[in-house]
Amino acid sequence: MTFKIIDVETYASPHNLNIDNILENYLTTCEEIKNALKECAFQHNNTEKGFQIELHEQLQDFFSKFFSTKGLSAYSMGYAPMIVLESDIGVQSKTSGKRVYIEIEFRPNEFKDIVKFQIGYKHKLELGILVVAKNRENINRRYTTMPDYKKCKNIIVALEPECPILLVGLDGEWC
């Protein structure tokens, strides 16, 4: 079976943040990321891992390839030298030395990811991108603790973290 992305919604925090000013250091825009995601279709191989883990791995691969086409290396990177916390994907700017950290979250760890972004902001983080389901039921309706876009947006709005965050909500359909 194939899961085709049909909708991508984004929210930037702080609310007055111009995401594209940051993303130009990584040779892209928010709209380009959204459009590239809308062209994605992910395979469900019916492994014992389950689709959320397969989707997580395939999204990591997507972001690695997306940034490599721009001449940037994307791989797991640490947030701070004194703490062993790795991002799902990290991309370092060739001009500023700063980083975009990407967390793909289909488990109930959204608070941990926001804290990791805040720690990274004290070091090299220029932008944290949190990718979640826009409608968790389209991914796995039985997994009721999966974070969704609306919940994560409300958490970010309530917390008002210092660090710049781009929340990305994905929705799709099975083909």
C-alpha atoms as a PDB file:
ATOM      1  CA  MET A   1       0.000   0.000   0.000  1.00  0.00           C
ATOM      2  CA  THR A   2       1.044   3.585  -0.629  1.00  0.00           C
ATOM      3  CA  PHE A   3       0.433   6.647   1.543  1.00  0.00           C
ATOM      4  CA  LYS A   4       0.282   9.764  -0.662  1.00  0.00           C
ATOM      5  CA  ILE A   5       0.738  13.194   0.937  1.00  0.00           C
ATOM      6  CA  ILE A   6      -2.219  15.332  -0.103  1.00  0.00           C
ATOM      7  CA  ASP A   7      -1.966  18.287   2.277  1.00  0.00           C
ATOM      8  CA  VAL A   8       0.792  20.101   4.152  1.00  0.00           C
ATOM      9  CA  GLU A   9       0.056  22.822   6.697  1.00  0.00           C
ATOM     10  CA  THR A  10       2.684  24.960   8.419  1.00  0.00           C
ATOM     11  CA  TYR A  11       2.870  27.271  11.406  1.00  0.00           C
ATOM     12  CA  ALA A  12       5.870  29.426  12.334  1.00  0.00           C
ATOM     13  CA  SER A  13       6.774  30.503  15.853  1.00  0.00           C
ATOM     14  CA  PRO A  14       7.354  33.177  16.969  1.00  0.00           C
ATOM     15  CA  HIS A  15       4.302  34.274  14.967  1.00  0.00           C
ATOM     16  CA  ASN A  16       6.132  37.211  13.336  1.00  0.00           C
ATOM     17  CA  LEU A  17       9.003  34.993  12.166  1.00  0.00           C
ATOM     18  CA  ASN A  18       9.892  35.110   8.474  1.00  0.00           C
ATOM     19  CA  ILE A  19      10.823  31.464   7.874  1.00  0.00           C
ATOM     20  CA  ASP A  20      12.074  32.134   4.357  1.00  0.00           C
ATOM     21  CA  ASN A  21      14.729  34.557   5.674  1.00  0.00           C
ATOM     22  CA  ILE A  22      16.183  31.629   7.656  1.00  0.00           C
ATOM     23  CA  LEU A  23      15.637  28.985   4.973  1.00  0.00           C
ATOM     24  CA  GLU A  24      17.477  31.032   2.342  1.00  0.00           C
ATOM     25  CA  ASN A  25      20.673  30.049   4.224  1.00  0.00           C
ATOM     26  CA  TYR A  26      19.712  26.454   3.322  1.00  0.00           C
ATOM     27  CA  LEU A  27      18.879  27.316  -0.311  1.00  0.00           C
ATOM     28  CA  THR A  28      15.148  26.712   0.021  1.00  0.00           C
ATOM     29  CA  THR A  29      11.813  28.236   1.058  1.00  0.00           C
ATOM     30  CA  CYS A  30       8.906  27.039   3.153  1.00  0.00           C
ATOM     31  CA  GLU A  31       6.770  26.794   0.019  1.00  0.00           C
ATOM     32  CA  GLU A  32       9.389  24.665  -1.749  1.00  0.00           C
ATOM     33  CA  ILE A  33       9.480  22.222   1.193  1.00  0.00           C
ATOM     34  CA  LYS A  34       5.668  22.047   1.243  1.00  0.00           C
ATOM     35  CA  ASN A  35       5.471  21.441  -2.511  1.00  0.00           C
ATOM     36  CA  ALA A  36       8.172  18.751  -2.387  1.00  0.00           C
ATOM     37  CA  LEU A  37       6.316  16.963   0.433  1.00  0.00           C
ATOM     38  CA  LYS A  38       3.051  17.102  -1.546  1.00  0.00           C
ATOM     39  CA  GLU A  39       4.771  15.108  -4.288  1.00  0.00           C
ATOM     40  CA  CYS A  40       5.694  12.314  -1.873  1.00  0.00           C
ATOM     41  CA  ALA A  41       4.229   8.853  -1.683  1.00  0.00           C
ATOM     42  CA  PHE A  42       5.444   6.475   1.007  1.00  0.00           C
ATOM     43  CA  GLN A  43       5.314   2.703   0.907  1.00  0.00           C
ATOM     44  CA  HIS A  44       3.870   0.592   3.683  1.00  0.00           C
ATOM     45  CA  ASN A  45       5.781  -2.665   3.549  1.00  0.00           C
ATOM     46  CA  ASN A  46       3.724  -4.413   6.245  1.00  0.00           C
ATOM     47  CA  THR A  47       6.806  -5.011   8.359  1.00  0.00           C
ATOM     48  CA  GLU A  48       6.643  -5.715  12.063  1.00  0.00           C
ATOM     49  CA  LYS A  49       7.891  -2.159  12.657  1.00  0.00           C
ATOM     50  CA  GLY A  50       4.541  -0.661  11.741  1.00  0.00           C
ATOM     51  CA  PHE A  51       3.752   2.169   9.381  1.00  0.00           C
ATOM     52  CA  GLN A  52       4.644   5.048  11.731  1.00  0.00           C
ATOM     53  CA  ILE A  53       8.247   3.802  11.946  1.00  0.00           C
ATOM     54  CA  GLU A  54       8.392   3.138   8.202  1.00  0.00           C
ATOM     55  CA  LEU A  55       6.997   6.618   7.497  1.00  0.00           C
ATOM     56  CA  HIS A  56       9.485   8.160   9.937  1.00  0.00           C
ATOM     57  CA  GLU A  57      12.410   6.451   8.168  1.00  0.00           C
ATOM     58  CA  GLN A  58      11.122   7.396   4.722  1.00  0.00           C
ATOM     59  CA  LEU A  59      10.674  11.037   5.774  1.00  0.00           C
ATOM     60  CA  GLN A  60      14.250  11.096   7.097  1.00  0.00           C
ATOM     61  CA  ASP A  61      15.351   9.839   3.697  1.00  0.00           C
ATOM     62  CA  PHE A  62      13.184  12.463   1.966  1.00  0.00           C
ATOM     63  CA  PHE A  63      14.758  15.346   3.931  1.00  0.00           C
ATOM     64  CA  SER A  64      18.289  13.985   3.410  1.00  0.00           C
ATOM     65  CA  LYS A  65      17.740  13.818  -0.351  1.00  0.00           C
ATOM     66  CA  PHE A  66      15.921  17.166  -0.451  1.00  0.00           C
ATOM     67  CA  PHE A  67      18.834  19.040   1.124  1.00  0.00           C
ATOM     68  CA  SER A  68      21.509  17.032  -0.703  1.00  0.00           C
ATOM     69  CA  THR A  69      20.076  18.293  -4.024  1.00  0.00           C
ATOM     70  CA  LYS A  70      21.053  21.739  -2.751  1.00  0.00           C
ATOM     71  CA  GLY A  71      24.602  20.655  -2.004  1.00  0.00           C
ATOM     72  CA  LEU A  72      23.989  20.399   1.736  1.00  0.00           C
ATOM     73  CA  SER A  73      24.634  17.326   3.855  1.00  0.00           C
ATOM     74  CA  ALA A  74      21.764  16.193   6.052  1.00  0.00           C
ATOM     75  CA  TYR A  75      22.282  13.668   8.820  1.00  0.00           C
ATOM     76  CA  SER A  76      21.614  13.180  12.517  1.00  0.00           C
ATOM     77  CA  MET A  77      23.338  15.909  14.529  1.00  0.00           C
ATOM     78  CA  GLY A  78      23.750  16.620  18.214  1.00  0.00           C
ATOM     79  CA  TYR A  79      22.016  19.594  19.824  1.00  0.00           C
ATOM     80  CA  ALA A  80      24.679  20.504  22.383  1.00  0.00           C
ATOM     81  CA  PRO A  81      28.154  19.232  23.183  1.00  0.00           C
ATOM     82  CA  MET A  82      27.369  18.395  26.825  1.00  0.00           C
ATOM     83  CA  ILE A  83      24.120  16.505  26.180  1.00  0.00           C
ATOM     84  CA  VAL A  84      23.684  13.388  24.095  1.00  0.00           C
ATOM     85  CA  LEU A  85      20.575  14.399  22.142  1.00  0.00           C
ATOM     86  CA  GLU A  86      20.524  13.754  18.415  1.00  0.00           C
ATOM     87  CA  SER A  87      18.162  15.182  15.840  1.00  0.00           C
ATOM     88  CA  ASP A  88      16.413  12.993  13.293  1.00  0.00           C
ATOM     89  CA  ILE A  89      18.014  15.182  10.628  1.00  0.00           C
ATOM     90  CA  GLY A  90      20.318  18.157  10.881  1.00  0.00           C
ATOM     91  CA  VAL A  91      21.478  20.454   8.087  1.00  0.00           C
ATOM     92  CA  GLN A  92      24.348  22.884   8.496  1.00  0.00           C
ATOM     93  CA  SER A  93      24.460  26.146   6.572  1.00  0.00           C
ATOM     94  CA  LYS A  94      27.596  26.639   4.504  1.00  0.00           C
ATOM     95  CA  THR A  95      27.489  30.387   5.168  1.00  0.00           C
ATOM     96  CA  SER A  96      26.509  30.816   8.821  1.00  0.00           C
ATOM     97  CA  GLY A  97      27.566  27.506  10.413  1.00  0.00           C
ATOM     98  CA  LYS A  98      24.128  27.434  12.050  1.00  0.00           C
ATOM     99  CA  ARG A  99      21.821  24.442  11.718  1.00  0.00           C
ATOM    100  CA  VAL A 100      18.281  23.408  10.959  1.00  0.00           C
ATOM    101  CA  TYR A 101      17.232  20.477  13.129  1.00  0.00           C
ATOM    102  CA  ILE A 102      14.335  18.336  11.944  1.00  0.00           C
ATOM    103  CA  GLU A 103      12.302  16.107  14.245  1.00  0.00           C
ATOM    104  CA  ILE A 104       9.721  13.737  12.775  1.00  0.00           C
ATOM    105  CA  GLU A 105       7.264  12.791  15.468  1.00  0.00           C
ATOM    106  CA  PHE A 106       4.604  10.096  15.337  1.00  0.00           C
ATOM    107  CA  ARG A 107       5.043   9.126  19.013  1.00  0.00           C
ATOM    108  CA  PRO A 108       4.025  11.281  21.998  1.00  0.00           C
ATOM    109  CA  ASN A 109       7.395  13.077  22.283  1.00  0.00           C
ATOM    110  CA  GLU A 110       6.444  16.522  21.003  1.00  0.00           C
ATOM    111  CA  PHE A 111       7.353  18.230  24.308  1.00  0.00           C
ATOM    112  CA  LYS A 112      10.791  16.595  24.263  1.00  0.00           C
ATOM    113  CA  ASP A 113      11.357  17.838  20.696  1.00  0.00           C
ATOM    114  CA  ILE A 114      10.486  21.425  21.618  1.00  0.00           C
ATOM    115  CA  VAL A 115      12.867  21.249  24.594  1.00  0.00           C
ATOM    116  CA  LYS A 116      15.595  19.862  22.295  1.00  0.00           C
ATOM    117  CA  PHE A 117      15.024  22.803  19.927  1.00  0.00           C
ATOM    118  CA  GLN A 118      15.340  25.236  22.849  1.00  0.00           C
ATOM    119  CA  ILE A 119      18.611  23.605  23.970  1.00  0.00           C
ATOM    120  CA  GLY A 120      19.912  23.699  20.395  1.00  0.00           C
ATOM    121  CA  TYR A 121      18.986  27.376  20.126  1.00  0.00           C
ATOM    122  CA  LYS A 122      21.525  28.138  22.850  1.00  0.00           C
ATOM    123  CA  HIS A 123      24.160  26.559  20.588  1.00  0.00           C
ATOM    124  CA  LYS A 124      23.822  26.204  16.782  1.00  0.00           C
ATOM    125  CA  LEU A 125      20.101  25.872  16.034  1.00  0.00           C
ATOM    126  CA  GLU A 126      18.809  28.459  13.596  1.00  0.00           C
ATOM    127  CA  LEU A 127      15.462  26.730  13.030  1.00  0.00           C
ATOM    128  CA  GLY A 128      13.710  23.670  14.407  1.00  0.00           C
ATOM    129  CA  ILE A 129      11.302  21.867  12.095  1.00  0.00           C
ATOM    130  CA  LEU A 130       8.765  19.595  13.786  1.00  0.00           C
ATOM    131  CA  VAL A 131       6.946  17.246  11.396  1.00  0.00           C
ATOM    132  CA  VAL A 132       3.726  15.654  12.694  1.00  0.00           C
ATOM    133  CA  ALA A 133       0.493  14.182  11.389  1.00  0.00           C
ATOM    134  CA  LYS A 134      -2.160  16.706  10.487  1.00  0.00           C
ATOM    135  CA  ASN A 135      -4.793  14.023  10.864  1.00  0.00           C
ATOM    136  CA  ARG A 136      -3.444  11.063  12.833  1.00  0.00           C
ATOM    137  CA  GLU A 137      -6.409   8.888  11.891  1.00  0.00           C
ATOM    138  CA  ASN A 138      -5.232   8.807   8.283  1.00  0.00           C
ATOM    139  CA  ILE A 139      -1.930   7.286   9.435  1.00  0.00           C
ATOM    140  CA  ASN A 140      -3.123   5.008  12.225  1.00  0.00           C
ATOM    141  CA  ARG A 141      -6.522   5.546  13.811  1.00  0.00           C
ATOM    142  CA  ARG A 142      -5.762   3.047  16.602  1.00  0.00           C
ATOM    143  CA  TYR A 143      -2.737   4.988  17.832  1.00  0.00           C
ATOM    144  CA  THR A 144      -4.557   7.585  19.927  1.00  0.00           C
ATOM    145  CA  THR A 145      -1.470   9.131  21.573  1.00  0.00           C
ATOM    146  CA  MET A 146       0.113  10.165  18.263  1.00  0.00           C
ATOM    147  CA  PRO A 147       0.676  13.933  18.335  1.00  0.00           C
ATOM    148  CA  ASP A 148      -1.219  15.898  15.734  1.00  0.00           C
ATOM    149  CA  TYR A 149      -0.771  19.296  14.152  1.00  0.00           C
ATOM    150  CA  LYS A 150      -3.521  21.090  16.078  1.00  0.00           C
ATOM    151  CA  LYS A 151      -2.290  19.846  19.466  1.00  0.00           C
ATOM    152  CA  CYS A 152       1.344  20.707  18.675  1.00  0.00           C
ATOM    153  CA  LYS A 153       0.403  24.155  17.428  1.00  0.00           C
ATOM    154  CA  ASN A 154      -1.516  24.818  20.656  1.00  0.00           C
ATOM    155  CA  ILE A 155       1.496  23.669  22.714  1.00  0.00           C
ATOM    156  CA  ILE A 156       3.855  25.952  20.783  1.00  0.00           C
ATOM    157  CA  VAL A 157       1.471  28.916  21.080  1.00  0.00           C
ATOM    158  CA  ALA A 158       1.080  28.332  24.842  1.00  0.00           C
ATOM    159  CA  LEU A 159       4.821  27.822  25.495  1.00  0.00           C
ATOM    160  CA  GLU A 160       6.054  30.687  23.294  1.00  0.00           C
ATOM    161  CA  PRO A 161       9.560  29.203  23.027  1.00  0.00           C
ATOM    162  CA  GLU A 162      12.448  31.540  22.174  1.00  0.00           C
ATOM    163  CA  CYS A 163      13.707  29.276  19.433  1.00  0.00           C
ATOM    164  CA  PRO A 164      12.344  29.578  15.897  1.00  0.00           C
ATOM    165  CA  ILE A 165      10.099  26.607  15.063  1.00  0.00           C
ATOM    166  CA  LEU A 166       8.403  25.580  11.851  1.00  0.00           C
ATOM    167  CA  LEU A 167       5.588  23.136  12.575  1.00  0.00           C
ATOM    168  CA  VAL A 168       4.710  20.960   9.572  1.00  0.00           C
ATOM    169  CA  GLY A 169       1.495  18.953   9.539  1.00  0.00           C
ATOM    170  CA  LEU A 170       1.165  16.167   6.964  1.00  0.00           C
ATOM    171  CA  ASP A 171      -2.055  14.593   5.795  1.00  0.00           C
ATOM    172  CA  GLY A 172      -2.402  11.862   3.253  1.00  0.00           C
ATOM    173  CA  GLU A 173      -4.528   9.156   1.792  1.00  0.00           C
ATOM    174  CA  TRP A 174      -4.007   5.480   1.135  1.00  0.00           C
ATOM    175  CA  CYS A 175      -3.813   4.435  -2.512  1.00  0.00           C
END
